[in-house]
Amino acid sequence: MARITTTVLLCCFVISLSAQSAVTPPADFMRSIGKIYVVVAVIVVVFLGLAFFLWSLDRRLSNLENQIDDHA
């Protein structure tokens, strides 16, 4: 199952790379209309959200591990 998923994802990645036009790079277009900063801000917010989620998950797991060690 993992091989099929990986193959499908790689095929989608290759198709998306071949579908990009060489006329205007997307970054230059986004920079020219000032939207690149919005994209960067969204990426930063998503990254910070994931980092906070992983940090809180680690704390919860550590608490559970400590409870298991104290109980046993």
PDB file of N, CA and C in Angstrom:
ATOM      1  N   MET A   1       0.815  -1.188   0.000  1.00  0.00           N
ATOM      2  CA  MET A   1       0.000   0.000   0.000  1.00  0.00           C
ATOM      3  C   MET A   1       0.861   1.255   0.000  1.00  0.00           C
ATOM      4  N   ALA A   2       1.960   1.197   0.746  1.00  0.00           N
ATOM      5  CA  ALA A   2       2.844   2.355   0.819  1.00  0.00           C
ATOM      6  C   ALA A   2       3.507   2.611  -0.536  1.00  0.00           C
ATOM      7  N   ARG A   3       3.827   1.548  -1.254  1.00  0.00           N
ATOM      8  CA  ARG A   3       4.445   1.720  -2.572  1.00  0.00           C
ATOM      9  C   ARG A   3       3.484   2.382  -3.552  1.00  0.00           C
ATOM     10  N   ILE A   4       2.222   1.989  -3.489  1.00  0.00           N
ATOM     11  CA  ILE A   4       1.220   2.573  -4.389  1.00  0.00           C
ATOM     12  C   ILE A   4       1.041   4.051  -4.073  1.00  0.00           C
ATOM     13  N   THR A   5       0.953   4.390  -2.799  1.00  0.00           N
ATOM     14  CA  THR A   5       0.790   5.781  -2.394  1.00  0.00           C
ATOM     15  C   THR A   5       1.985   6.618  -2.825  1.00  0.00           C
ATOM     16  N   THR A   6       3.177   6.096  -2.615  1.00  0.00           N
ATOM     17  CA  THR A   6       4.385   6.814  -3.015  1.00  0.00           C
ATOM     18  C   THR A   6       4.438   7.001  -4.521  1.00  0.00           C
ATOM     19  N   THR A   7       4.085   5.979  -5.263  1.00  0.00           N
ATOM     20  CA  THR A   7       4.091   6.075  -6.719  1.00  0.00           C
ATOM     21  C   THR A   7       3.093   7.116  -7.218  1.00  0.00           C
ATOM     22  N   VAL A   8       1.905   7.122  -6.654  1.00  0.00           N
ATOM     23  CA  VAL A   8       0.891   8.105  -7.062  1.00  0.00           C
ATOM     24  C   VAL A   8       1.347   9.512  -6.736  1.00  0.00           C
ATOM     25  N   LEU A   9       1.912   9.707  -5.550  1.00  0.00           N
ATOM     26  CA  LEU A   9       2.389  11.043  -5.179  1.00  0.00           C
ATOM     27  C   LEU A   9       3.517  11.514  -6.086  1.00  0.00           C
ATOM     28  N   LEU A  10       4.442  10.632  -6.405  1.00  0.00           N
ATOM     29  CA  LEU A  10       5.541  11.013  -7.298  1.00  0.00           C
ATOM     30  C   LEU A  10       5.030  11.332  -8.702  1.00  0.00           C
ATOM     31  N   CYS A  11       4.054  10.578  -9.183  1.00  0.00           N
ATOM     32  CA  CYS A  11       3.475  10.857 -10.500  1.00  0.00           C
ATOM     33  C   CYS A  11       2.784  12.215 -10.508  1.00  0.00           C
ATOM     34  N   CYS A  12       2.057  12.525  -9.447  1.00  0.00           N
ATOM     35  CA  CYS A  12       1.403  13.844  -9.354  1.00  0.00           C
ATOM     36  C   CYS A  12       2.429  14.950  -9.316  1.00  0.00           C
ATOM     37  N   PHE A  13       3.544  14.730  -8.620  1.00  0.00           N
ATOM     38  CA  PHE A  13       4.605  15.727  -8.540  1.00  0.00           C
ATOM     39  C   PHE A  13       5.227  15.970  -9.907  1.00  0.00           C
ATOM     40  N   VAL A  14       5.492  14.911 -10.643  1.00  0.00           N
ATOM     41  CA  VAL A  14       6.093  15.040 -11.977  1.00  0.00           C
ATOM     42  C   VAL A  14       5.127  15.735 -12.929  1.00  0.00           C
ATOM     43  N   ILE A  15       3.853  15.405 -12.854  1.00  0.00           N
ATOM     44  CA  ILE A  15       2.858  16.041 -13.722  1.00  0.00           C
ATOM     45  C   ILE A  15       2.754  17.527 -13.406  1.00  0.00           C
ATOM     46  N   SER A  16       2.784  17.887 -12.130  1.00  0.00           N
ATOM     47  CA  SER A  16       2.684  19.306 -11.780  1.00  0.00           C
ATOM     48  C   SER A  16       3.919  20.076 -12.225  1.00  0.00           C
ATOM     49  N   LEU A  17       5.087  19.431 -12.206  1.00  0.00           N
ATOM     50  CA  LEU A  17       6.292  20.115 -12.679  1.00  0.00           C
ATOM     51  C   LEU A  17       6.257  20.323 -14.185  1.00  0.00           C
ATOM     52  N   SER A  18       5.749  19.359 -14.906  1.00  0.00           N
ATOM     53  CA  SER A  18       5.721  19.493 -16.356  1.00  0.00           C
ATOM     54  C   SER A  18       4.619  20.440 -16.816  1.00  0.00           C
ATOM     55  N   ALA A  19       3.642  20.742 -15.966  1.00  0.00           N
ATOM     56  CA  ALA A  19       2.534  21.605 -16.355  1.00  0.00           C
ATOM     57  C   ALA A  19       2.837  23.086 -16.149  1.00  0.00           C
ATOM     58  N   GLN A  20       3.970  23.413 -15.553  1.00  0.00           N
ATOM     59  CA  GLN A  20       4.282  24.817 -15.309  1.00  0.00           C
ATOM     60  C   GLN A  20       4.762  25.471 -16.594  1.00  0.00           C
ATOM     61  N   SER A  21       4.285  26.688 -16.797  1.00  0.00           N
ATOM     62  CA  SER A  21       4.672  27.406 -18.015  1.00  0.00           C
ATOM     63  C   SER A  21       6.000  28.120 -17.804  1.00  0.00           C
ATOM     64  N   ALA A  22       6.729  28.303 -18.874  1.00  0.00           N
ATOM     65  CA  ALA A  22       8.029  28.963 -18.811  1.00  0.00           C
ATOM     66  C   ALA A  22       7.919  30.448 -19.120  1.00  0.00           C
ATOM     67  N   VAL A  23       6.719  30.966 -19.353  1.00  0.00           N
ATOM     68  CA  VAL A  23       6.540  32.363 -19.737  1.00  0.00           C
ATOM     69  C   VAL A  23       6.779  33.287 -18.551  1.00  0.00           C
ATOM     70  N   THR A  24       6.020  33.119 -17.465  1.00  0.00           N
ATOM     71  CA  THR A  24       6.156  33.956 -16.284  1.00  0.00           C
ATOM     72  C   THR A  24       6.293  33.070 -15.059  1.00  0.00           C
ATOM     73  N   PRO A  25       7.425  33.142 -14.382  1.00  0.00           N
ATOM     74  CA  PRO A  25       7.554  32.353 -13.163  1.00  0.00           C
ATOM     75  C   PRO A  25       6.546  32.819 -12.121  1.00  0.00           C
ATOM     76  N   PRO A  26       5.935  31.889 -11.392  1.00  0.00           N
ATOM     77  CA  PRO A  26       4.912  32.264 -10.421  1.00  0.00           C
ATOM     78  C   PRO A  26       5.431  33.204  -9.331  1.00  0.00           C
ATOM     79  N   ALA A  27       6.681  33.026  -8.912  1.00  0.00           N
ATOM     80  CA  ALA A  27       7.213  33.879  -7.849  1.00  0.00           C
ATOM     81  C   ALA A  27       7.311  35.327  -8.311  1.00  0.00           C
ATOM     82  N   ASP A  28       7.732  35.546  -9.562  1.00  0.00           N
ATOM     83  CA  ASP A  28       7.826  36.915 -10.067  1.00  0.00           C
ATOM     84  C   ASP A  28       6.447  37.545 -10.183  1.00  0.00           C
ATOM     85  N   PHE A  29       5.470  36.777 -10.618  1.00  0.00           N
ATOM     86  CA  PHE A  29       4.107  37.293 -10.723  1.00  0.00           C
ATOM     87  C   PHE A  29       3.570  37.656  -9.357  1.00  0.00           C
ATOM     88  N   MET A  30       3.752  36.752  -8.385  1.00  0.00           N
ATOM     89  CA  MET A  30       3.255  37.017  -7.039  1.00  0.00           C
ATOM     90  C   MET A  30       3.984  38.210  -6.423  1.00  0.00           C
ATOM     91  N   ARG A  31       5.279  38.328  -6.687  1.00  0.00           N
ATOM     92  CA  ARG A  31       6.040  39.448  -6.147  1.00  0.00           C
ATOM     93  C   ARG A  31       5.604  40.757  -6.788  1.00  0.00           C
ATOM     94  N   SER A  32       5.268  40.719  -8.063  1.00  0.00           N
ATOM     95  CA  SER A  32       4.900  41.947  -8.759  1.00  0.00           C
ATOM     96  C   SER A  32       3.569  42.504  -8.275  1.00  0.00           C
ATOM     97  N   ILE A  33       2.657  41.644  -7.825  1.00  0.00           N
ATOM     98  CA  ILE A  33       1.383  42.147  -7.329  1.00  0.00           C
ATOM     99  C   ILE A  33       1.353  42.198  -5.807  1.00  0.00           C
ATOM    100  N   GLY A  34       2.464  41.878  -5.142  1.00  0.00           N
ATOM    101  CA  GLY A  34       2.569  42.007  -3.699  1.00  0.00           C
ATOM    102  C   GLY A  34       1.961  40.871  -2.909  1.00  0.00           C
ATOM    103  N   LYS A  35       1.613  39.787  -3.548  1.00  0.00           N
ATOM    104  CA  LYS A  35       0.974  38.667  -2.850  1.00  0.00           C
ATOM    105  C   LYS A  35       1.984  37.672  -2.290  1.00  0.00           C
ATOM    106  N   ILE A  36       3.245  37.804  -2.654  1.00  0.00           N
ATOM    107  CA  ILE A  36       4.243  36.856  -2.165  1.00  0.00           C
ATOM    108  C   ILE A  36       4.351  36.928  -0.648  1.00  0.00           C
ATOM    109  N   TYR A  37       4.123  38.122  -0.086  1.00  0.00           N
ATOM    110  CA  TYR A  37       4.191  38.276   1.355  1.00  0.00           C
ATOM    111  C   TYR A  37       3.031  37.559   2.041  1.00  0.00           C
ATOM    112  N   VAL A  38       1.891  37.530   1.389  1.00  0.00           N
ATOM    113  CA  VAL A  38       0.749  36.794   1.929  1.00  0.00           C
ATOM    114  C   VAL A  38       1.061  35.300   1.931  1.00  0.00           C
ATOM    115  N   VAL A  39       1.652  34.814   0.871  1.00  0.00           N
ATOM    116  CA  VAL A  39       2.011  33.392   0.780  1.00  0.00           C
ATOM    117  C   VAL A  39       3.030  33.045   1.854  1.00  0.00           C
ATOM    118  N   VAL A  40       4.039  33.887   2.019  1.00  0.00           N
ATOM    119  CA  VAL A  40       5.063  33.632   3.037  1.00  0.00           C
ATOM    120  C   VAL A  40       4.437  33.659   4.429  1.00  0.00           C
ATOM    121  N   ALA A  41       3.526  34.597   4.672  1.00  0.00           N
ATOM    122  CA  ALA A  41       2.874  34.684   5.978  1.00  0.00           C
ATOM    123  C   ALA A  41       2.042  33.427   6.261  1.00  0.00           C
ATOM    124  N   VAL A  42       1.337  32.938   5.266  1.00  0.00           N
ATOM    125  CA  VAL A  42       0.535  31.731   5.450  1.00  0.00           C
ATOM    126  C   VAL A  42       1.433  30.534   5.734  1.00  0.00           C
ATOM    127  N   ILE A  43       2.530  30.423   5.029  1.00  0.00           N
ATOM    128  CA  ILE A  43       3.463  29.316   5.255  1.00  0.00           C
ATOM    129  C   ILE A  43       4.032  29.383   6.663  1.00  0.00           C
ATOM    130  N   VAL A  44       4.377  30.579   7.123  1.00  0.00           N
ATOM    131  CA  VAL A  44       4.921  30.743   8.473  1.00  0.00           C
ATOM    132  C   VAL A  44       3.881  30.367   9.524  1.00  0.00           C
ATOM    133  N   VAL A  45       2.633  30.797   9.321  1.00  0.00           N
ATOM    134  CA  VAL A  45       1.572  30.477  10.278  1.00  0.00           C
ATOM    135  C   VAL A  45       1.340  28.962  10.333  1.00  0.00           C
ATOM    136  N   VAL A  46       1.321  28.310   9.189  1.00  0.00           N
ATOM    137  CA  VAL A  46       1.124  26.858   9.157  1.00  0.00           C
ATOM    138  C   VAL A  46       2.292  26.154   9.846  1.00  0.00           C
ATOM    139  N   PHE A  47       3.511  26.595   9.574  1.00  0.00           N
ATOM    140  CA  PHE A  47       4.682  25.992  10.209  1.00  0.00           C
ATOM    141  C   PHE A  47       4.638  26.176  11.723  1.00  0.00           C
ATOM    142  N   LEU A  48       4.312  27.383  12.182  1.00  0.00           N
ATOM    143  CA  LEU A  48       4.232  27.622  13.619  1.00  0.00           C
ATOM    144  C   LEU A  48       3.118  26.793  14.260  1.00  0.00           C
ATOM    145  N   GLY A  49       2.004  26.639  13.566  1.00  0.00           N
ATOM    146  CA  GLY A  49       0.927  25.803  14.078  1.00  0.00           C
ATOM    147  C   GLY A  49       1.347  24.357  14.218  1.00  0.00           C
ATOM    148  N   LEU A  50       2.032  23.842  13.221  1.00  0.00           N
ATOM    149  CA  LEU A  50       2.524  22.456  13.301  1.00  0.00           C
ATOM    150  C   LEU A  50       3.555  22.299  14.410  1.00  0.00           C
ATOM    151  N   ALA A  51       4.446  23.275  14.541  1.00  0.00           N
ATOM    152  CA  ALA A  51       5.464  23.211  15.594  1.00  0.00           C
ATOM    153  C   ALA A  51       4.808  23.226  16.972  1.00  0.00           C
ATOM    154  N   PHE A  52       3.802  24.084  17.168  1.00  0.00           N
ATOM    155  CA  PHE A  52       3.106  24.134  18.452  1.00  0.00           C
ATOM    156  C   PHE A  52       2.371  22.829  18.728  1.00  0.00           C
ATOM    157  N   PHE A  53       1.731  22.282  17.706  1.00  0.00           N
ATOM    158  CA  PHE A  53       1.022  21.009  17.869  1.00  0.00           C
ATOM    159  C   PHE A  53       1.982  19.902  18.273  1.00  0.00           C
ATOM    160  N   LEU A  54       3.127  19.809  17.611  1.00  0.00           N
ATOM    161  CA  LEU A  54       4.096  18.769  17.943  1.00  0.00           C
ATOM    162  C   LEU A  54       4.667  18.964  19.340  1.00  0.00           C
ATOM    163  N   TRP A  55       4.897  20.219  19.730  1.00  0.00           N
ATOM    164  CA  TRP A  55       5.410  20.516  21.066  1.00  0.00           C
ATOM    165  C   TRP A  55       4.406  20.084  22.127  1.00  0.00           C
ATOM    166  N   SER A  56       3.129  20.429  21.925  1.00  0.00           N
ATOM    167  CA  SER A  56       2.112  20.059  22.906  1.00  0.00           C
ATOM    168  C   SER A  56       1.902  18.541  22.937  1.00  0.00           C
ATOM    169  N   LEU A  57       1.979  17.897  21.790  1.00  0.00           N
ATOM    170  CA  LEU A  57       1.859  16.438  21.744  1.00  0.00           C
ATOM    171  C   LEU A  57       3.011  15.778  22.487  1.00  0.00           C
ATOM    172  N   ASP A  58       4.211  16.314  22.339  1.00  0.00           N
ATOM    173  CA  ASP A  58       5.373  15.778  23.047  1.00  0.00           C
ATOM    174  C   ASP A  58       5.202  15.921  24.554  1.00  0.00           C
ATOM    175  N   ARG A  59       4.681  17.058  24.997  1.00  0.00           N
ATOM    176  CA  ARG A  59       4.451  17.264  26.426  1.00  0.00           C
ATOM    177  C   ARG A  59       3.428  16.261  26.967  1.00  0.00           C
ATOM    178  N   ARG A  60       2.341  16.058  26.220  1.00  0.00           N
ATOM    179  CA  ARG A  60       1.324  15.108  26.660  1.00  0.00           C
ATOM    180  C   ARG A  60       1.879  13.687  26.737  1.00  0.00           C
ATOM    181  N   LEU A  61       2.663  13.311  25.720  1.00  0.00           N
ATOM    182  CA  LEU A  61       3.251  11.965  25.729  1.00  0.00           C
ATOM    183  C   LEU A  61       4.246  11.805  26.867  1.00  0.00           C
ATOM    184  N   SER A  62       5.003  12.843  27.150  1.00  0.00           N
ATOM    185  CA  SER A  62       5.949  12.780  28.267  1.00  0.00           C
ATOM    186  C   SER A  62       5.209  12.606  29.580  1.00  0.00           C
ATOM    187  N   ASN A  63       4.101  13.318  29.742  1.00  0.00           N
ATOM    188  CA  ASN A  63       3.304  13.165  30.961  1.00  0.00           C
ATOM    189  C   ASN A  63       2.761  11.751  31.090  1.00  0.00           C
ATOM    190  N   LEU A  64       2.283  11.185  29.997  1.00  0.00           N
ATOM    191  CA  LEU A  64       1.777   9.808  30.032  1.00  0.00           C
ATOM    192  C   LEU A  64       2.890   8.811  30.355  1.00  0.00           C
ATOM    193  N   GLU A  65       4.061   9.022  29.773  1.00  0.00           N
ATOM    194  CA  GLU A  65       5.189   8.131  30.073  1.00  0.00           C
ATOM    195  C   GLU A  65       5.587   8.219  31.544  1.00  0.00           C
ATOM    196  N   ASN A  66       5.568   9.435  32.093  1.00  0.00           N
ATOM    197  CA  ASN A  66       5.898   9.587  33.506  1.00  0.00           C
ATOM    198  C   ASN A  66       4.855   8.914  34.396  1.00  0.00           C
ATOM    199  N   GLN A  67       3.590   8.987  34.020  1.00  0.00           N
ATOM    200  CA  GLN A  67       2.534   8.330  34.786  1.00  0.00           C
ATOM    201  C   GLN A  67       2.702   6.810  34.746  1.00  0.00           C
ATOM    202  N   ILE A  68       3.066   6.293  33.590  1.00  0.00           N
ATOM    203  CA  ILE A  68       3.278   4.846  33.452  1.00  0.00           C
ATOM    204  C   ILE A  68       4.467   4.404  34.293  1.00  0.00           C
ATOM    205  N   ASP A  69       5.562   5.190  34.273  1.00  0.00           N
ATOM    206  CA  ASP A  69       6.751   4.843  35.072  1.00  0.00           C
ATOM    207  C   ASP A  69       6.451   4.916  36.565  1.00  0.00           C
ATOM    208  N   ASP A  70       5.677   5.909  37.005  1.00  0.00           N
ATOM    209  CA  ASP A  70       5.353   6.043  38.420  1.00  0.00           C
ATOM    210  C   ASP A  70       4.406   4.949  38.878  1.00  0.00           C
ATOM    211  N   HIS A  71       3.512   4.522  38.006  1.00  0.00           N
ATOM    212  CA  HIS A  71       2.523   3.507  38.376  1.00  0.00           C
ATOM    213  C   HIS A  71       3.138   2.106  38.435  1.00  0.00           C
ATOM    214  N   ALA A  72       4.091   1.848  37.565  1.00  0.00           N
ATOM    215  CA  ALA A  72       4.665   0.501  37.481  1.00  0.00           C
ATOM    216  C   ALA A  72       5.739   0.244  38.492  1.00  0.00           C
TER     217      ALA A  72
END
